[in-house]
Protein backbone atom coordinates (compact mmCIF):
# COMPACT_ATOMS: atom_id res chain seq x y z
CA UNK A 1 22.90 158.04 -110.74
CA UNK A 2 22.34 161.84 -110.45
CA UNK A 3 20.56 162.42 -107.08
CA UNK A 4 22.53 160.89 -104.40
CA UNK A 5 21.86 160.34 -100.63
CA UNK A 6 24.22 162.10 -97.92
CA UNK A 7 22.15 160.14 -95.02
CA UNK A 8 25.12 158.46 -93.56
CA UNK A 9 27.23 162.38 -93.83
CA UNK A 10 24.23 163.77 -91.28
CA UNK A 11 23.56 160.68 -89.38
CA UNK A 12 27.84 161.36 -88.68
CA UNK A 13 26.69 164.62 -88.20
CA UNK A 14 24.93 164.44 -85.19
CA UNK A 15 26.02 160.74 -84.11
CA UNK A 16 23.17 158.51 -84.50
CA UNK A 17 22.96 155.10 -85.63
CA UNK A 18 20.66 153.11 -87.93
CA UNK A 19 19.13 151.86 -85.69
CA UNK A 20 18.31 155.08 -83.66
CA UNK A 21 17.12 156.72 -87.01
CA UNK A 22 14.92 154.02 -87.92
CA UNK A 23 13.26 153.76 -84.43
CA UNK A 24 12.87 157.47 -84.52
CA UNK A 25 11.20 157.54 -88.26
CA UNK A 26 9.91 154.19 -87.76
CA UNK A 27 10.90 152.24 -90.84
CA UNK A 28 12.87 149.30 -91.44
CA UNK A 29 16.45 149.05 -90.83
CA UNK A 30 16.66 147.56 -94.51
CA UNK A 31 14.66 150.30 -95.19
CA UNK A 32 16.39 152.52 -94.39
CA UNK A 33 20.03 150.99 -95.37
CA UNK A 34 19.14 150.88 -99.00
CA UNK A 35 18.48 154.98 -98.29
CA UNK A 36 21.68 155.10 -96.92
CA UNK A 37 23.49 153.51 -99.37
CA UNK A 38 22.26 155.48 -102.50
CA UNK A 39 19.91 152.07 -103.76
CA UNK A 40 16.53 153.69 -103.35
CA UNK A 41 14.26 154.60 -106.50
CA UNK A 42 12.59 156.90 -104.98
CA UNK A 43 11.72 158.62 -101.43
CA UNK A 44 8.11 159.46 -99.96
CA UNK A 45 8.07 163.13 -98.55
CA UNK A 46 6.62 161.91 -95.40
CA UNK A 47 9.59 159.52 -95.10
CA UNK A 48 11.96 162.52 -95.59
CA UNK A 49 10.26 164.67 -93.49
CA UNK A 50 10.57 162.44 -90.64
CA UNK A 51 14.44 161.94 -91.38
CA UNK A 52 14.72 165.83 -91.09
CA UNK A 53 12.53 166.01 -88.05
CA UNK A 54 14.64 163.17 -86.43
CA UNK A 55 18.31 164.65 -87.71
CA UNK A 56 17.26 168.44 -87.35
CA UNK A 57 18.36 169.37 -90.74
CA UNK A 58 17.02 170.54 -94.25
CA UNK A 59 15.96 168.13 -97.23
CA UNK A 60 18.79 169.29 -98.93
CA UNK A 61 21.25 168.32 -96.34
CA UNK A 62 20.49 165.01 -97.15
CA UNK A 63 19.66 164.78 -101.07
CA UNK A 64 22.11 166.43 -103.70
CA UNK A 65 22.28 166.78 -107.49
CA UNK A 66 25.45 165.72 -108.84
CA UNK A 67 25.61 165.65 -112.67
CA UNK A 68 26.29 162.29 -114.55
């Protein structure tokens, strides 16, 4: 996978649980877990924006390009 989701790293830095972030972003825990575990094929910009707002970070703090 070329795009790596570092959501778990940012959540740990902010000391935020999956449940808390899911509630703040208004996303199901199942969908947040899919994103967190690098299983997602896509992410909506509105979701990414809400995650960045909740975690007080930039998209680049969450998404990383890794050459295969």
